[in-house]
N, C-alpha and C. Protein backbone atom coordinates (compact mmCIF):
# COMPACT_ATOMS: atom_id res chain seq x y z
N UNK A 1 183.32 82.52 124.35
CA UNK A 1 183.27 83.97 124.24
C UNK A 1 182.35 84.51 125.34
N UNK A 2 182.81 85.45 126.07
CA UNK A 2 182.06 86.03 127.18
C UNK A 2 181.14 87.14 126.68
N UNK A 3 179.89 87.12 127.15
CA UNK A 3 178.92 88.15 126.79
C UNK A 3 179.15 89.36 127.68
N UNK A 4 179.52 90.48 127.09
CA UNK A 4 179.80 91.68 127.89
C UNK A 4 178.65 92.67 127.88
N UNK A 5 177.50 92.25 127.32
CA UNK A 5 176.36 93.17 127.31
C UNK A 5 175.84 93.36 128.73
N UNK A 6 175.34 94.55 129.03
CA UNK A 6 174.86 94.81 130.40
C UNK A 6 173.65 93.95 130.72
N UNK A 7 173.60 93.48 131.94
CA UNK A 7 172.47 92.67 132.41
C UNK A 7 171.32 93.61 132.76
N UNK A 8 170.07 93.23 132.41
CA UNK A 8 168.95 94.10 132.79
C UNK A 8 168.80 94.14 134.31
N UNK A 9 168.42 95.30 134.81
CA UNK A 9 168.22 95.45 136.25
C UNK A 9 167.00 94.65 136.68
N UNK A 10 167.07 94.06 137.85
CA UNK A 10 165.94 93.30 138.38
C UNK A 10 164.80 94.27 138.67
N UNK A 11 163.59 93.85 138.31
CA UNK A 11 162.43 94.69 138.61
C UNK A 11 162.16 94.67 140.10
N UNK A 12 161.66 95.77 140.59
CA UNK A 12 161.21 95.84 141.98
C UNK A 12 160.05 96.81 142.05
N UNK A 13 159.17 96.56 143.00
CA UNK A 13 157.99 97.39 143.21
C UNK A 13 157.93 97.75 144.69
N UNK A 14 157.91 99.03 145.00
CA UNK A 14 157.83 99.48 146.38
C UNK A 14 156.41 99.95 146.66
N UNK A 15 155.88 99.53 147.81
CA UNK A 15 154.54 99.97 148.24
C UNK A 15 154.51 99.91 149.76
N UNK A 16 154.17 101.05 150.36
CA UNK A 16 154.20 101.13 151.83
C UNK A 16 155.58 100.73 152.32
N UNK A 17 155.64 99.88 153.36
CA UNK A 17 156.93 99.46 153.90
C UNK A 17 157.52 98.26 153.14
N UNK A 18 156.90 97.85 152.04
CA UNK A 18 157.28 96.63 151.33
C UNK A 18 158.02 96.93 150.03
N UNK A 19 158.87 95.98 149.62
CA UNK A 19 159.49 95.98 148.30
C UNK A 19 159.37 94.55 147.77
N UNK A 20 158.83 94.44 146.57
CA UNK A 20 158.61 93.15 145.91
C UNK A 20 159.62 92.99 144.79
N UNK A 21 160.32 91.85 144.76
CA UNK A 21 161.27 91.50 143.70
C UNK A 21 160.73 90.25 143.02
N UNK A 22 159.90 90.41 141.96
CA UNK A 22 159.25 89.25 141.35
C UNK A 22 160.20 88.15 140.87
N UNK A 23 161.26 88.52 140.20
CA UNK A 23 162.16 87.51 139.64
C UNK A 23 162.90 86.73 140.73
N UNK A 24 163.04 87.33 141.88
CA UNK A 24 163.72 86.65 143.00
C UNK A 24 162.73 85.96 143.93
N UNK A 25 161.42 86.11 143.64
CA UNK A 25 160.37 85.57 144.51
C UNK A 25 160.61 86.03 145.95
N UNK A 26 160.80 87.35 146.10
CA UNK A 26 161.15 87.92 147.39
C UNK A 26 160.29 89.14 147.68
N UNK A 27 159.72 89.15 148.89
CA UNK A 27 158.99 90.30 149.40
C UNK A 27 159.66 90.70 150.70
N UNK A 28 160.06 91.96 150.78
CA UNK A 28 160.68 92.48 152.00
C UNK A 28 159.76 93.48 152.66
N UNK A 29 159.71 93.43 153.97
CA UNK A 29 159.07 94.48 154.77
C UNK A 29 160.21 95.13 155.52
N UNK A 30 160.59 96.31 155.08
CA UNK A 30 161.82 96.91 155.58
C UNK A 30 162.98 96.07 155.09
N UNK A 31 163.73 95.53 156.01
CA UNK A 31 164.86 94.66 155.66
C UNK A 31 164.54 93.18 155.84
N UNK A 32 163.34 92.87 156.35
CA UNK A 32 163.00 91.49 156.69
C UNK A 32 162.19 90.81 155.59
N UNK A 33 162.57 89.60 155.19
CA UNK A 33 161.77 88.86 154.21
C UNK A 33 160.42 88.48 154.80
N UNK A 34 159.40 88.54 153.96
CA UNK A 34 158.06 88.11 154.34
C UNK A 34 157.84 86.73 153.73
N UNK A 35 157.52 85.76 154.55
CA UNK A 35 157.32 84.40 154.08
C UNK A 35 155.88 84.24 153.61
N UNK A 36 155.73 83.75 152.37
CA UNK A 36 154.40 83.50 151.83
C UNK A 36 154.51 82.39 150.80
N UNK A 37 153.39 81.74 150.55
CA UNK A 37 153.37 80.65 149.58
C UNK A 37 153.57 81.15 148.16
N UNK A 38 153.95 80.24 147.29
CA UNK A 38 154.24 80.57 145.90
C UNK A 38 153.04 81.12 145.15
N UNK A 39 151.88 80.54 145.37
CA UNK A 39 150.69 81.02 144.66
C UNK A 39 150.26 82.39 145.18
N UNK A 40 150.35 82.61 146.48
CA UNK A 40 150.05 83.92 147.04
C UNK A 40 151.02 84.96 146.46
N UNK A 41 152.28 84.57 146.31
CA UNK A 41 153.27 85.47 145.73
C UNK A 41 152.91 85.80 144.28
N UNK A 42 152.50 84.79 143.52
CA UNK A 42 152.11 85.02 142.12
C UNK A 42 150.93 85.98 142.03
N UNK A 43 149.96 85.80 142.92
CA UNK A 43 148.79 86.69 142.93
C UNK A 43 149.18 88.12 143.29
N UNK A 44 150.00 88.28 144.30
CA UNK A 44 150.46 89.61 144.68
C UNK A 44 151.21 90.26 143.52
N UNK A 45 152.04 89.50 142.85
CA UNK A 45 152.82 90.04 141.73
C UNK A 45 151.93 90.56 140.63
N UNK A 46 150.93 89.79 140.22
CA UNK A 46 150.07 90.25 139.13
C UNK A 46 149.29 91.50 139.54
N UNK A 47 148.89 91.59 140.80
CA UNK A 47 148.18 92.78 141.25
C UNK A 47 149.09 94.00 141.31
N UNK A 48 150.32 93.81 141.75
CA UNK A 48 151.29 94.91 141.83
C UNK A 48 151.71 95.38 140.44
N UNK A 49 151.80 94.45 139.49
CA UNK A 49 152.20 94.80 138.13
C UNK A 49 151.15 95.65 137.41
N UNK A 50 149.91 95.63 137.92
CA UNK A 50 148.82 96.34 137.23
C UNK A 50 148.09 97.30 138.18
N UNK A 51 148.81 98.28 138.70
CA UNK A 51 148.19 99.20 139.66
C UNK A 51 147.03 99.98 139.04
N UNK A 52 145.96 100.08 139.81
CA UNK A 52 144.81 100.84 139.36
C UNK A 52 143.94 100.14 138.34
N UNK A 53 144.30 98.91 137.96
CA UNK A 53 143.52 98.17 136.97
C UNK A 53 142.67 97.11 137.66
N UNK A 54 141.56 96.80 137.04
CA UNK A 54 140.73 95.70 137.50
C UNK A 54 141.31 94.41 136.93
N UNK A 55 141.60 93.46 137.79
CA UNK A 55 142.13 92.17 137.36
C UNK A 55 141.05 91.13 137.67
N UNK A 56 140.61 90.42 136.65
CA UNK A 56 139.50 89.48 136.83
C UNK A 56 139.93 88.23 137.60
N UNK A 57 138.94 87.57 138.18
CA UNK A 57 139.20 86.29 138.86
C UNK A 57 139.86 85.31 137.89
N UNK A 58 139.37 85.28 136.68
CA UNK A 58 139.93 84.38 135.67
C UNK A 58 141.40 84.62 135.41
N UNK A 59 141.79 85.90 135.31
CA UNK A 59 143.20 86.23 135.09
C UNK A 59 144.05 85.82 136.28
N UNK A 60 143.54 86.06 137.48
CA UNK A 60 144.29 85.70 138.68
C UNK A 60 144.46 84.18 138.78
N UNK A 61 143.39 83.46 138.52
CA UNK A 61 143.46 81.99 138.58
C UNK A 61 144.42 81.46 137.52
N UNK A 62 144.36 82.02 136.31
CA UNK A 62 145.26 81.58 135.23
C UNK A 62 146.72 81.83 135.59
N UNK A 63 147.00 82.91 136.30
CA UNK A 63 148.38 83.23 136.67
C UNK A 63 148.90 82.31 137.77
N UNK A 64 148.07 82.04 138.77
CA UNK A 64 148.52 81.25 139.92
C UNK A 64 148.41 79.75 139.69
N UNK A 65 147.46 79.35 138.86
CA UNK A 65 147.24 77.91 138.60
C UNK A 65 147.21 77.65 137.10
N UNK A 66 148.31 77.91 136.40
CA UNK A 66 148.30 77.69 134.95
C UNK A 66 148.08 76.21 134.64
N UNK A 67 147.29 75.96 133.64
CA UNK A 67 147.02 74.60 133.17
C UNK A 67 146.28 73.74 134.19
N UNK A 68 145.66 74.35 135.19
CA UNK A 68 144.87 73.61 136.17
C UNK A 68 143.48 74.22 136.23
N UNK A 69 142.51 73.40 136.55
CA UNK A 69 141.17 73.89 136.81
C UNK A 69 140.97 73.88 138.31
N UNK A 70 140.72 75.05 138.87
CA UNK A 70 140.52 75.16 140.32
C UNK A 70 139.25 75.95 140.59
N UNK A 71 138.72 75.75 141.76
CA UNK A 71 137.53 76.48 142.21
C UNK A 71 137.94 77.88 142.66
N UNK A 72 137.03 78.83 142.52
CA UNK A 72 137.32 80.20 142.94
C UNK A 72 137.64 80.32 144.42
N UNK A 73 137.24 79.32 145.20
CA UNK A 73 137.56 79.35 146.64
C UNK A 73 139.07 79.28 146.87
N UNK A 74 139.81 78.64 145.97
CA UNK A 74 141.28 78.62 146.07
C UNK A 74 141.84 80.03 145.99
N UNK A 75 141.25 80.81 145.13
CA UNK A 75 141.68 82.21 144.97
C UNK A 75 141.38 82.98 146.26
N UNK A 76 140.20 82.79 146.80
CA UNK A 76 139.80 83.48 148.04
C UNK A 76 140.75 83.15 149.18
N UNK A 77 141.10 81.90 149.33
CA UNK A 77 142.00 81.46 150.41
C UNK A 77 143.37 82.10 150.26
N UNK A 78 143.90 82.13 149.04
CA UNK A 78 145.24 82.69 148.84
C UNK A 78 145.27 84.20 148.94
N UNK A 79 144.18 84.87 148.57
CA UNK A 79 144.12 86.32 148.73
C UNK A 79 144.06 86.68 150.20
N UNK A 80 143.30 85.89 150.97
CA UNK A 80 143.18 86.15 152.41
C UNK A 80 144.53 85.97 153.08
């Protein structure tokens, strides 16, 4: 039996010349994809999802390195 229910639209976030598609792990600058590592992408996504909010180092580390213990310097490197 085929499911005919409508598919939810993919989320996207536009900021400046960029558009972020979290579910597709895609960041575009204009029409061009921006290449970045997976953890940097995860960090950008959590920050974009919470505009105007303070996001703690702990929350960022938990999002990018779930189930791992890492030093805060890993966060600094990926943010840079």
